[in-house]
Amino acid sequence: MEMAIVFGIVTLIMLWYNLFISNSIVNYLNNNGHPVSLFRKGFFVKGKIFKYLPLYKEISIKNEGKVGRLYHLFYYSLFGVFFFLLLGLLSVSK
């Protein structure tokens, strides 16, 4: 049971990190002349980050000559969320 708590905490940390990266991508797009928003009213997430990722990739390639690091960090953190969530669920089921 203790491992489930550890995996749950790591999952929450990865989820917050993913939200931070998503917000950083939105800020990058806003600073480069593309008005986008991650939130609806208040703290409700729209879920449009997957719409903004190709735009971020395109703009970062144009500005920097390569894909920006936030693009890869977003997918690594999303994979981490799912991985630790799965580990947590498997540790509870035993």
PDB file of N, CA and C in Angstrom:
ATOM      1  N   MET A   1       0.814  -1.198   0.000  1.00  0.00           N
ATOM      2  CA  MET A   1       0.000   0.000   0.000  1.00  0.00           C
ATOM      3  C   MET A   1       0.863   1.270   0.000  1.00  0.00           C
ATOM      4  N   GLU A   2       2.034   1.205   0.647  1.00  0.00           N
ATOM      5  CA  GLU A   2       2.896   2.376   0.694  1.00  0.00           C
ATOM      6  C   GLU A   2       3.379   2.755  -0.704  1.00  0.00           C
ATOM      7  N   MET A   3       3.663   1.763  -1.534  1.00  0.00           N
ATOM      8  CA  MET A   3       4.127   2.046  -2.893  1.00  0.00           C
ATOM      9  C   MET A   3       3.038   2.732  -3.714  1.00  0.00           C
ATOM     10  N   ALA A   4       1.793   2.378  -3.465  1.00  0.00           N
ATOM     11  CA  ALA A   4       0.693   3.020  -4.181  1.00  0.00           C
ATOM     12  C   ALA A   4       0.643   4.510  -3.868  1.00  0.00           C
ATOM     13  N   ILE A   5       0.917   4.854  -2.615  1.00  0.00           N
ATOM     14  CA  ILE A   5       0.928   6.261  -2.229  1.00  0.00           C
ATOM     15  C   ILE A   5       2.087   6.988  -2.900  1.00  0.00           C
ATOM     16  N   VAL A   6       3.239   6.346  -2.931  1.00  0.00           N
ATOM     17  CA  VAL A   6       4.408   6.948  -3.580  1.00  0.00           C
ATOM     18  C   VAL A   6       4.129   7.159  -5.067  1.00  0.00           C
ATOM     19  N   PHE A   7       3.590   6.137  -5.732  1.00  0.00           N
ATOM     20  CA  PHE A   7       3.272   6.262  -7.156  1.00  0.00           C
ATOM     21  C   PHE A   7       2.204   7.327  -7.394  1.00  0.00           C
ATOM     22  N   GLY A   8       1.249   7.430  -6.481  1.00  0.00           N
ATOM     23  CA  GLY A   8       0.219   8.462  -6.602  1.00  0.00           C
ATOM     24  C   GLY A   8       0.797   9.860  -6.484  1.00  0.00           C
ATOM     25  N   ILE A   9       1.719  10.040  -5.556  1.00  0.00           N
ATOM     26  CA  ILE A   9       2.352  11.353  -5.387  1.00  0.00           C
ATOM     27  C   ILE A   9       3.192  11.698  -6.608  1.00  0.00           C
ATOM     28  N   VAL A  10       3.949  10.727  -7.110  1.00  0.00           N
ATOM     29  CA  VAL A  10       4.767  10.981  -8.305  1.00  0.00           C
ATOM     30  C   VAL A  10       3.869  11.275  -9.502  1.00  0.00           C
ATOM     31  N   THR A  11       2.737  10.594  -9.606  1.00  0.00           N
ATOM     32  CA  THR A  11       1.793  10.860 -10.694  1.00  0.00           C
ATOM     33  C   THR A  11       1.271  12.292 -10.612  1.00  0.00           C
ATOM     34  N   LEU A  12       0.922  12.742  -9.425  1.00  0.00           N
ATOM     35  CA  LEU A  12       0.446  14.118  -9.265  1.00  0.00           C
ATOM     36  C   LEU A  12       1.534  15.132  -9.606  1.00  0.00           C
ATOM     37  N   ILE A  13       2.771  14.844  -9.209  1.00  0.00           N
ATOM     38  CA  ILE A  13       3.877  15.737  -9.538  1.00  0.00           C
ATOM     39  C   ILE A  13       4.061  15.811 -11.052  1.00  0.00           C
ATOM     40  N   MET A  14       4.015  14.656 -11.716  1.00  0.00           N
ATOM     41  CA  MET A  14       4.163  14.627 -13.175  1.00  0.00           C
ATOM     42  C   MET A  14       2.999  15.355 -13.850  1.00  0.00           C
ATOM     43  N   LEU A  15       1.809  15.228 -13.294  1.00  0.00           N
ATOM     44  CA  LEU A  15       0.640  15.911 -13.853  1.00  0.00           C
ATOM     45  C   LEU A  15       0.791  17.424 -13.733  1.00  0.00           C
ATOM     46  N   TRP A  16       1.252  17.902 -12.585  1.00  0.00           N
ATOM     47  CA  TRP A  16       1.478  19.337 -12.411  1.00  0.00           C
ATOM     48  C   TRP A  16       2.585  19.822 -13.330  1.00  0.00           C
ATOM     49  N   TYR A  17       3.620  19.012 -13.502  1.00  0.00           N
ATOM     50  CA  TYR A  17       4.710  19.382 -14.402  1.00  0.00           C
ATOM     51  C   TYR A  17       4.204  19.474 -15.842  1.00  0.00           C
ATOM     52  N   ASN A  18       3.327  18.543 -16.228  1.00  0.00           N
ATOM     53  CA  ASN A  18       2.746  18.569 -17.566  1.00  0.00           C
ATOM     54  C   ASN A  18       1.909  19.822 -17.760  1.00  0.00           C
ATOM     55  N   LEU A  19       1.169  20.213 -16.742  1.00  0.00           N
ATOM     56  CA  LEU A  19       0.379  21.443 -16.823  1.00  0.00           C
ATOM     57  C   LEU A  19       1.286  22.668 -16.919  1.00  0.00           C
ATOM     58  N   PHE A  20       2.408  22.655 -16.206  1.00  0.00           N
ATOM     59  CA  PHE A  20       3.376  23.742 -16.284  1.00  0.00           C
ATOM     60  C   PHE A  20       3.957  23.840 -17.698  1.00  0.00           C
ATOM     61  N   ILE A  21       4.311  22.717 -18.287  1.00  0.00           N
ATOM     62  CA  ILE A  21       4.850  22.696 -19.646  1.00  0.00           C
ATOM     63  C   ILE A  21       3.787  23.188 -20.629  1.00  0.00           C
ATOM     64  N   SER A  22       2.551  22.752 -20.447  1.00  0.00           N
ATOM     65  CA  SER A  22       1.460  23.196 -21.323  1.00  0.00           C
ATOM     66  C   SER A  22       1.289  24.703 -21.247  1.00  0.00           C
ATOM     67  N   ASN A  23       1.348  25.234 -20.045  1.00  0.00           N
ATOM     68  CA  ASN A  23       1.236  26.680 -19.863  1.00  0.00           C
ATOM     69  C   ASN A  23       2.424  27.401 -20.496  1.00  0.00           C
ATOM     70  N   SER A  24       3.605  26.821 -20.419  1.00  0.00           N
ATOM     71  CA  SER A  24       4.791  27.417 -21.040  1.00  0.00           C
ATOM     72  C   SER A  24       4.665  27.445 -22.563  1.00  0.00           C
ATOM     73  N   ILE A  25       4.079  26.396 -23.137  1.00  0.00           N
ATOM     74  CA  ILE A  25       3.849  26.354 -24.583  1.00  0.00           C
ATOM     75  C   ILE A  25       2.874  27.451 -24.985  1.00  0.00           C
ATOM     76  N   VAL A  26       1.810  27.602 -24.221  1.00  0.00           N
ATOM     77  CA  VAL A  26       0.820  28.649 -24.507  1.00  0.00           C
ATOM     78  C   VAL A  26       1.460  30.032 -24.395  1.00  0.00           C
ATOM     79  N   ASN A  27       2.302  30.245 -23.382  1.00  0.00           N
ATOM     80  CA  ASN A  27       2.990  31.535 -23.243  1.00  0.00           C
ATOM     81  C   ASN A  27       3.922  31.784 -24.418  1.00  0.00           C
ATOM     82  N   TYR A  28       4.622  30.767 -24.877  1.00  0.00           N
ATOM     83  CA  TYR A  28       5.513  30.901 -26.033  1.00  0.00           C
ATOM     84  C   TYR A  28       4.718  31.314 -27.270  1.00  0.00           C
ATOM     85  N   LEU A  29       3.580  30.672 -27.470  1.00  0.00           N
ATOM     86  CA  LEU A  29       2.750  31.009 -28.628  1.00  0.00           C
ATOM     87  C   LEU A  29       2.206  32.431 -28.522  1.00  0.00           C
ATOM     88  N   ASN A  30       1.779  32.824 -27.328  1.00  0.00           N
ATOM     89  CA  ASN A  30       1.270  34.189 -27.139  1.00  0.00           C
ATOM     90  C   ASN A  30       2.358  35.227 -27.373  1.00  0.00           C
ATOM     91  N   ASN A  31       3.582  34.927 -26.950  1.00  0.00           N
ATOM     92  CA  ASN A  31       4.691  35.864 -27.137  1.00  0.00           C
ATOM     93  C   ASN A  31       5.134  35.964 -28.590  1.00  0.00           C
ATOM     94  N   ASN A  32       4.764  34.986 -29.403  1.00  0.00           N
ATOM     95  CA  ASN A  32       5.141  34.991 -30.812  1.00  0.00           C
ATOM     96  C   ASN A  32       3.971  35.328 -31.736  1.00  0.00           C
ATOM     97  N   GLY A  33       2.984  36.026 -31.209  1.00  0.00           N
ATOM     98  CA  GLY A  33       1.922  36.578 -32.034  1.00  0.00           C
ATOM     99  C   GLY A  33       0.757  35.655 -32.340  1.00  0.00           C
ATOM    100  N   HIS A  34       0.584  34.584 -31.583  1.00  0.00           N
ATOM    101  CA  HIS A  34      -0.552  33.683 -31.778  1.00  0.00           C
ATOM    102  C   HIS A  34      -1.359  33.649 -30.483  1.00  0.00           C
ATOM    103  N   PRO A  35      -2.436  34.416 -30.415  1.00  0.00           N
ATOM    104  CA  PRO A  35      -3.216  34.472 -29.172  1.00  0.00           C
ATOM    105  C   PRO A  35      -3.976  33.173 -28.924  1.00  0.00           C
ATOM    106  N   VAL A  36      -3.503  32.393 -27.970  1.00  0.00           N
ATOM    107  CA  VAL A  36      -4.145  31.129 -27.595  1.00  0.00           C
ATOM    108  C   VAL A  36      -4.358  31.137 -26.095  1.00  0.00           C
ATOM    109  N   SER A  37      -5.243  30.270 -25.624  1.00  0.00           N
ATOM    110  CA  SER A  37      -5.528  30.173 -24.200  1.00  0.00           C
ATOM    111  C   SER A  37      -5.711  28.717 -23.814  1.00  0.00           C
ATOM    112  N   LEU A  38      -5.134  28.351 -22.688  1.00  0.00           N
ATOM    113  CA  LEU A  38      -5.261  26.988 -22.188  1.00  0.00           C
ATOM    114  C   LEU A  38      -6.497  26.821 -21.324  1.00  0.00           C
ATOM    115  N   PHE A  39      -6.966  27.922 -20.753  1.00  0.00           N
ATOM    116  CA  PHE A  39      -8.081  27.856 -19.816  1.00  0.00           C
ATOM    117  C   PHE A  39      -9.330  28.493 -20.402  1.00  0.00           C
ATOM    118  N   ARG A  40     -10.459  27.984 -19.978  1.00  0.00           N
ATOM    119  CA  ARG A  40     -11.739  28.565 -20.370  1.00  0.00           C
ATOM    120  C   ARG A  40     -12.021  29.716 -19.416  1.00  0.00           C
ATOM    121  N   LYS A  41     -12.933  29.586 -18.532  1.00  0.00           N
ATOM    122  CA  LYS A  41     -13.201  30.604 -17.517  1.00  0.00           C
ATOM    123  C   LYS A  41     -12.713  30.052 -16.190  1.00  0.00           C
ATOM    124  N   GLY A  42     -11.875  30.780 -15.533  1.00  0.00           N
ATOM    125  CA  GLY A  42     -11.340  30.309 -14.259  1.00  0.00           C
ATOM    126  C   GLY A  42     -10.236  29.290 -14.476  1.00  0.00           C
ATOM    127  N   PHE A  43     -10.390  28.139 -13.847  1.00  0.00           N
ATOM    128  CA  PHE A  43      -9.341  27.124 -13.903  1.00  0.00           C
ATOM    129  C   PHE A  43      -9.762  25.893 -14.712  1.00  0.00           C
ATOM    130  N   PHE A  44     -10.777  25.994 -15.532  1.00  0.00           N
ATOM    131  CA  PHE A  44     -11.221  24.857 -16.314  1.00  0.00           C
ATOM    132  C   PHE A  44     -10.382  24.741 -17.579  1.00  0.00           C
ATOM    133  N   VAL A  45      -9.657  23.646 -17.704  1.00  0.00           N
ATOM    134  CA  VAL A  45      -8.763  23.442 -18.840  1.00  0.00           C
ATOM    135  C   VAL A  45      -9.593  23.052 -20.058  1.00  0.00           C
ATOM    136  N   LYS A  46      -9.329  23.720 -21.166  1.00  0.00           N
ATOM    137  CA  LYS A  46     -10.051  23.432 -22.404  1.00  0.00           C
ATOM    138  C   LYS A  46      -9.660  22.087 -22.994  1.00  0.00           C
ATOM    139  N   GLY A  47      -8.426  21.698 -22.854  1.00  0.00           N
ATOM    140  CA  GLY A  47      -7.962  20.462 -23.463  1.00  0.00           C
ATOM    141  C   GLY A  47      -7.521  20.650 -24.903  1.00  0.00           C
ATOM    142  N   LYS A  48      -7.218  21.881 -25.279  1.00  0.00           N
ATOM    143  CA  LYS A  48      -6.815  22.155 -26.652  1.00  0.00           C
ATOM    144  C   LYS A  48      -5.305  22.144 -26.833  1.00  0.00           C
ATOM    145  N   ILE A  49      -4.564  21.673 -25.852  1.00  0.00           N
ATOM    146  CA  ILE A  49      -3.113  21.697 -25.968  1.00  0.00           C
ATOM    147  C   ILE A  49      -2.655  20.842 -27.141  1.00  0.00           C
ATOM    148  N   PHE A  50      -3.381  19.783 -27.450  1.00  0.00           N
ATOM    149  CA  PHE A  50      -2.995  18.941 -28.585  1.00  0.00           C
ATOM    150  C   PHE A  50      -3.227  19.656 -29.915  1.00  0.00           C
ATOM    151  N   LYS A  51      -4.079  20.674 -29.915  1.00  0.00           N
ATOM    152  CA  LYS A  51      -4.258  21.512 -31.096  1.00  0.00           C
ATOM    153  C   LYS A  51      -3.102  22.499 -31.218  1.00  0.00           C
ATOM    154  N   TYR A  52      -2.559  22.934 -30.088  1.00  0.00           N
ATOM    155  CA  TYR A  52      -1.493  23.919 -30.082  1.00  0.00           C
ATOM    156  C   TYR A  52      -0.103  23.318 -30.278  1.00  0.00           C
ATOM    157  N   LEU A  53       0.068  22.034 -30.002  1.00  0.00           N
ATOM    158  CA  LEU A  53       1.390  21.417 -30.139  1.00  0.00           C
ATOM    159  C   LEU A  53       1.946  21.490 -31.556  1.00  0.00           C
ATOM    160  N   PRO A  54       1.171  21.178 -32.609  1.00  0.00           N
ATOM    161  CA  PRO A  54       1.730  21.339 -33.961  1.00  0.00           C
ATOM    162  C   PRO A  54       2.075  22.788 -34.290  1.00  0.00           C
ATOM    163  N   LEU A  55       1.288  23.725 -33.776  1.00  0.00           N
ATOM    164  CA  LEU A  55       1.581  25.140 -33.988  1.00  0.00           C
ATOM    165  C   LEU A  55       2.877  25.525 -33.284  1.00  0.00           C
ATOM    166  N   TYR A  56       3.073  25.032 -32.068  1.00  0.00           N
ATOM    167  CA  TYR A  56       4.323  25.288 -31.343  1.00  0.00           C
ATOM    168  C   TYR A  56       5.506  24.697 -32.098  1.00  0.00           C
ATOM    169  N   LYS A  57       5.338  23.487 -32.593  1.00  0.00           N
ATOM    170  CA  LYS A  57       6.415  22.832 -33.335  1.00  0.00           C
ATOM    171  C   LYS A  57       6.793  23.645 -34.573  1.00  0.00           C
ATOM    172  N   GLU A  58       5.791  24.084 -35.307  1.00  0.00           N
ATOM    173  CA  GLU A  58       6.018  24.868 -36.528  1.00  0.00           C
ATOM    174  C   GLU A  58       6.724  26.193 -36.230  1.00  0.00           C
ATOM    175  N   ILE A  59       6.246  26.908 -35.215  1.00  0.00           N
ATOM    176  CA  ILE A  59       6.821  28.210 -34.888  1.00  0.00           C
ATOM    177  C   ILE A  59       8.227  28.063 -34.314  1.00  0.00           C
ATOM    178  N   SER A  60       8.440  27.049 -33.487  1.00  0.00           N
ATOM    179  CA  SER A  60       9.776  26.873 -32.920  1.00  0.00           C
ATOM    180  C   SER A  60      10.789  26.470 -33.986  1.00  0.00           C
ATOM    181  N   ILE A  61      10.367  25.685 -34.971  1.00  0.00           N
ATOM    182  CA  ILE A  61      11.269  25.342 -36.078  1.00  0.00           C
ATOM    183  C   ILE A  61      11.608  26.603 -36.870  1.00  0.00           C
ATOM    184  N   LYS A  62      10.604  27.449 -37.084  1.00  0.00           N
ATOM    185  CA  LYS A  62      10.836  28.684 -37.842  1.00  0.00           C
ATOM    186  C   LYS A  62      11.760  29.638 -37.078  1.00  0.00           C
ATOM    187  N   ASN A  63      11.585  29.749 -35.758  1.00  0.00           N
ATOM    188  CA  ASN A  63      12.366  30.688 -34.959  1.00  0.00           C
ATOM    189  C   ASN A  63      13.749  30.165 -34.581  1.00  0.00           C
ATOM    190  N   GLU A  64      13.829  28.884 -34.231  1.00  0.00           N
ATOM    191  CA  GLU A  64      15.066  28.343 -33.683  1.00  0.00           C
ATOM    192  C   GLU A  64      15.792  27.389 -34.631  1.00  0.00           C
ATOM    193  N   GLY A  65      15.129  26.962 -35.682  1.00  0.00           N
ATOM    194  CA  GLY A  65      15.743  26.030 -36.613  1.00  0.00           C
ATOM    195  C   GLY A  65      15.585  24.574 -36.213  1.00  0.00           C
ATOM    196  N   LYS A  66      14.942  24.328 -35.089  1.00  0.00           N
ATOM    197  CA  LYS A  66      14.687  22.963 -34.629  1.00  0.00           C
ATOM    198  C   LYS A  66      13.437  22.980 -33.755  1.00  0.00           C
ATOM    199  N   VAL A  67      12.952  21.790 -33.444  1.00  0.00           N
ATOM    200  CA  VAL A  67      11.767  21.689 -32.595  1.00  0.00           C
ATOM    201  C   VAL A  67      12.144  22.136 -31.187  1.00  0.00           C
ATOM    202  N   GLY A  68      11.311  22.960 -30.586  1.00  0.00           N
ATOM    203  CA  GLY A  68      11.573  23.465 -29.240  1.00  0.00           C
ATOM    204  C   GLY A  68      11.558  22.358 -28.201  1.00  0.00           C
ATOM    205  N   ARG A  69      12.285  22.564 -27.126  1.00  0.00           N
ATOM    206  CA  ARG A  69      12.413  21.527 -26.100  1.00  0.00           C
ATOM    207  C   ARG A  69      11.112  21.267 -25.357  1.00  0.00           C
ATOM    208  N   LEU A  70      10.231  22.261 -25.310  1.00  0.00           N
ATOM    209  CA  LEU A  70       8.958  22.068 -24.613  1.00  0.00           C
ATOM    210  C   LEU A  70       8.098  21.004 -25.282  1.00  0.00           C
ATOM    211  N   TYR A  71       8.252  20.858 -26.578  1.00  0.00           N
ATOM    212  CA  TYR A  71       7.485  19.862 -27.324  1.00  0.00           C
ATOM    213  C   TYR A  71       7.788  18.462 -26.796  1.00  0.00           C
ATOM    214  N   HIS A  72       9.065  18.160 -26.643  1.00  0.00           N
ATOM    215  CA  HIS A  72       9.465  16.837 -26.161  1.00  0.00           C
ATOM    216  C   HIS A  72       9.168  16.681 -24.667  1.00  0.00           C
ATOM    217  N   LEU A  73       9.386  17.747 -23.901  1.00  0.00           N
ATOM    218  CA  LEU A  73       9.098  17.679 -22.474  1.00  0.00           C
ATOM    219  C   LEU A  73       7.627  17.418 -22.200  1.00  0.00           C
ATOM    220  N   PHE A  74       6.754  17.968 -23.042  1.00  0.00           N
ATOM    221  CA  PHE A  74       5.324  17.720 -22.870  1.00  0.00           C
ATOM    222  C   PHE A  74       5.020  16.240 -22.999  1.00  0.00           C
ATOM    223  N   TYR A  75       5.545  15.600 -24.037  1.00  0.00           N
ATOM    224  CA  TYR A  75       5.251  14.178 -24.240  1.00  0.00           C
ATOM    225  C   TYR A  75       5.947  13.297 -23.205  1.00  0.00           C
ATOM    226  N   TYR A  76       7.147  13.668 -22.763  1.00  0.00           N
ATOM    227  CA  TYR A  76       7.812  12.899 -21.707  1.00  0.00           C
ATOM    228  C   TYR A  76       7.020  12.963 -20.407  1.00  0.00           C
ATOM    229  N   SER A  77       6.536  14.139 -20.056  1.00  0.00           N
ATOM    230  CA  SER A  77       5.774  14.267 -18.816  1.00  0.00           C
ATOM    231  C   SER A  77       4.419  13.577 -18.931  1.00  0.00           C
ATOM    232  N   LEU A  78       3.806  13.614 -20.106  1.00  0.00           N
ATOM    233  CA  LEU A  78       2.542  12.907 -20.291  1.00  0.00           C
ATOM    234  C   LEU A  78       2.750  11.402 -20.188  1.00  0.00           C
ATOM    235  N   PHE A  79       3.835  10.913 -20.779  1.00  0.00           N
ATOM    236  CA  PHE A  79       4.162   9.494 -20.642  1.00  0.00           C
ATOM    237  C   PHE A  79       4.413   9.146 -19.175  1.00  0.00           C
ATOM    238  N   GLY A  80       5.095  10.029 -18.447  1.00  0.00           N
ATOM    239  CA  GLY A  80       5.356   9.796 -17.025  1.00  0.00           C
ATOM    240  C   GLY A  80       4.076   9.714 -16.218  1.00  0.00           C
ATOM    241  N   VAL A  81       3.108  10.559 -16.528  1.00  0.00           N
ATOM    242  CA  VAL A  81       1.819  10.518 -15.827  1.00  0.00           C
ATOM    243  C   VAL A  81       1.166   9.152 -16.026  1.00  0.00           C
ATOM    244  N   PHE A  82       1.087   8.708 -17.260  1.00  0.00           N
ATOM    245  CA  PHE A  82       0.441   7.419 -17.538  1.00  0.00           C
ATOM    246  C   PHE A  82       1.228   6.252 -16.958  1.00  0.00           C
ATOM    247  N   PHE A  83       2.560   6.326 -17.011  1.00  0.00           N
ATOM    248  CA  PHE A  83       3.394   5.249 -16.507  1.00  0.00           C
ATOM    249  C   PHE A  83       3.243   5.080 -14.996  1.00  0.00           C
ATOM    250  N   PHE A  84       3.355   6.183 -14.252  1.00  0.00           N
ATOM    251  CA  PHE A  84       3.239   6.089 -12.801  1.00  0.00           C
ATOM    252  C   PHE A  84       1.811   5.822 -12.353  1.00  0.00           C
ATOM    253  N   LEU A  85       0.846   6.267 -13.122  1.00  0.00           N
ATOM    254  CA  LEU A  85      -0.551   5.918 -12.824  1.00  0.00           C
ATOM    255  C   LEU A  85      -0.758   4.415 -12.966  1.00  0.00           C
ATOM    256  N   LEU A  86      -0.224   3.855 -14.028  1.00  0.00           N
ATOM    257  CA  LEU A  86      -0.324   2.412 -14.237  1.00  0.00           C
ATOM    258  C   LEU A  86       0.396   1.641 -13.121  1.00  0.00           C
ATOM    259  N   LEU A  87       1.586   2.087 -12.757  1.00  0.00           N
ATOM    260  CA  LEU A  87       2.302   1.437 -11.651  1.00  0.00           C
ATOM    261  C   LEU A  87       1.514   1.509 -10.349  1.00  0.00           C
ATOM    262  N   GLY A  88       0.920   2.653 -10.105  1.00  0.00           N
ATOM    263  CA  GLY A  88       0.098   2.809  -8.894  1.00  0.00           C
ATOM    264  C   GLY A  88      -1.108   1.899  -8.889  1.00  0.00           C
ATOM    265  N   LEU A  89      -1.762   1.786 -10.041  1.00  0.00           N
ATOM    266  CA  LEU A  89      -2.926   0.903 -10.132  1.00  0.00           C
ATOM    267  C   LEU A  89      -2.525  -0.560  -9.986  1.00  0.00           C
ATOM    268  N   LEU A  90      -1.393  -0.917 -10.569  1.00  0.00           N
ATOM    269  CA  LEU A  90      -0.931  -2.296 -10.444  1.00  0.00           C
ATOM    270  C   LEU A  90      -0.506  -2.620  -9.007  1.00  0.00           C
ATOM    271  N   SER A  91       0.059  -1.669  -8.295  1.00  0.00           N
ATOM    272  CA  SER A  91       0.477  -1.918  -6.922  1.00  0.00           C
ATOM    273  C   SER A  91      -0.724  -2.060  -5.981  1.00  0.00           C
ATOM    274  N   VAL A  92      -1.830  -1.440  -6.307  1.00  0.00           N
ATOM    275  CA  VAL A  92      -3.033  -1.562  -5.495  1.00  0.00           C
ATOM    276  C   VAL A  92      -3.742  -2.881  -5.756  1.00  0.00           C
ATOM    277  N   SER A  93      -3.663  -3.366  -6.988  1.00  0.00           N
ATOM    278  CA  SER A  93      -4.409  -4.564  -7.361  1.00  0.00           C
ATOM    279  C   SER A  93      -3.800  -5.837  -6.803  1.00  0.00           C
ATOM    280  N   LYS A  94      -2.591  -5.791  -6.269  1.00  0.00           N
ATOM    281  CA  LYS A  94      -1.956  -7.016  -5.749  1.00  0.00           C
ATOM    282  C   LYS A  94      -2.418  -7.351  -4.364  1.00  0.00           C
TER     283      LYS A  94
END
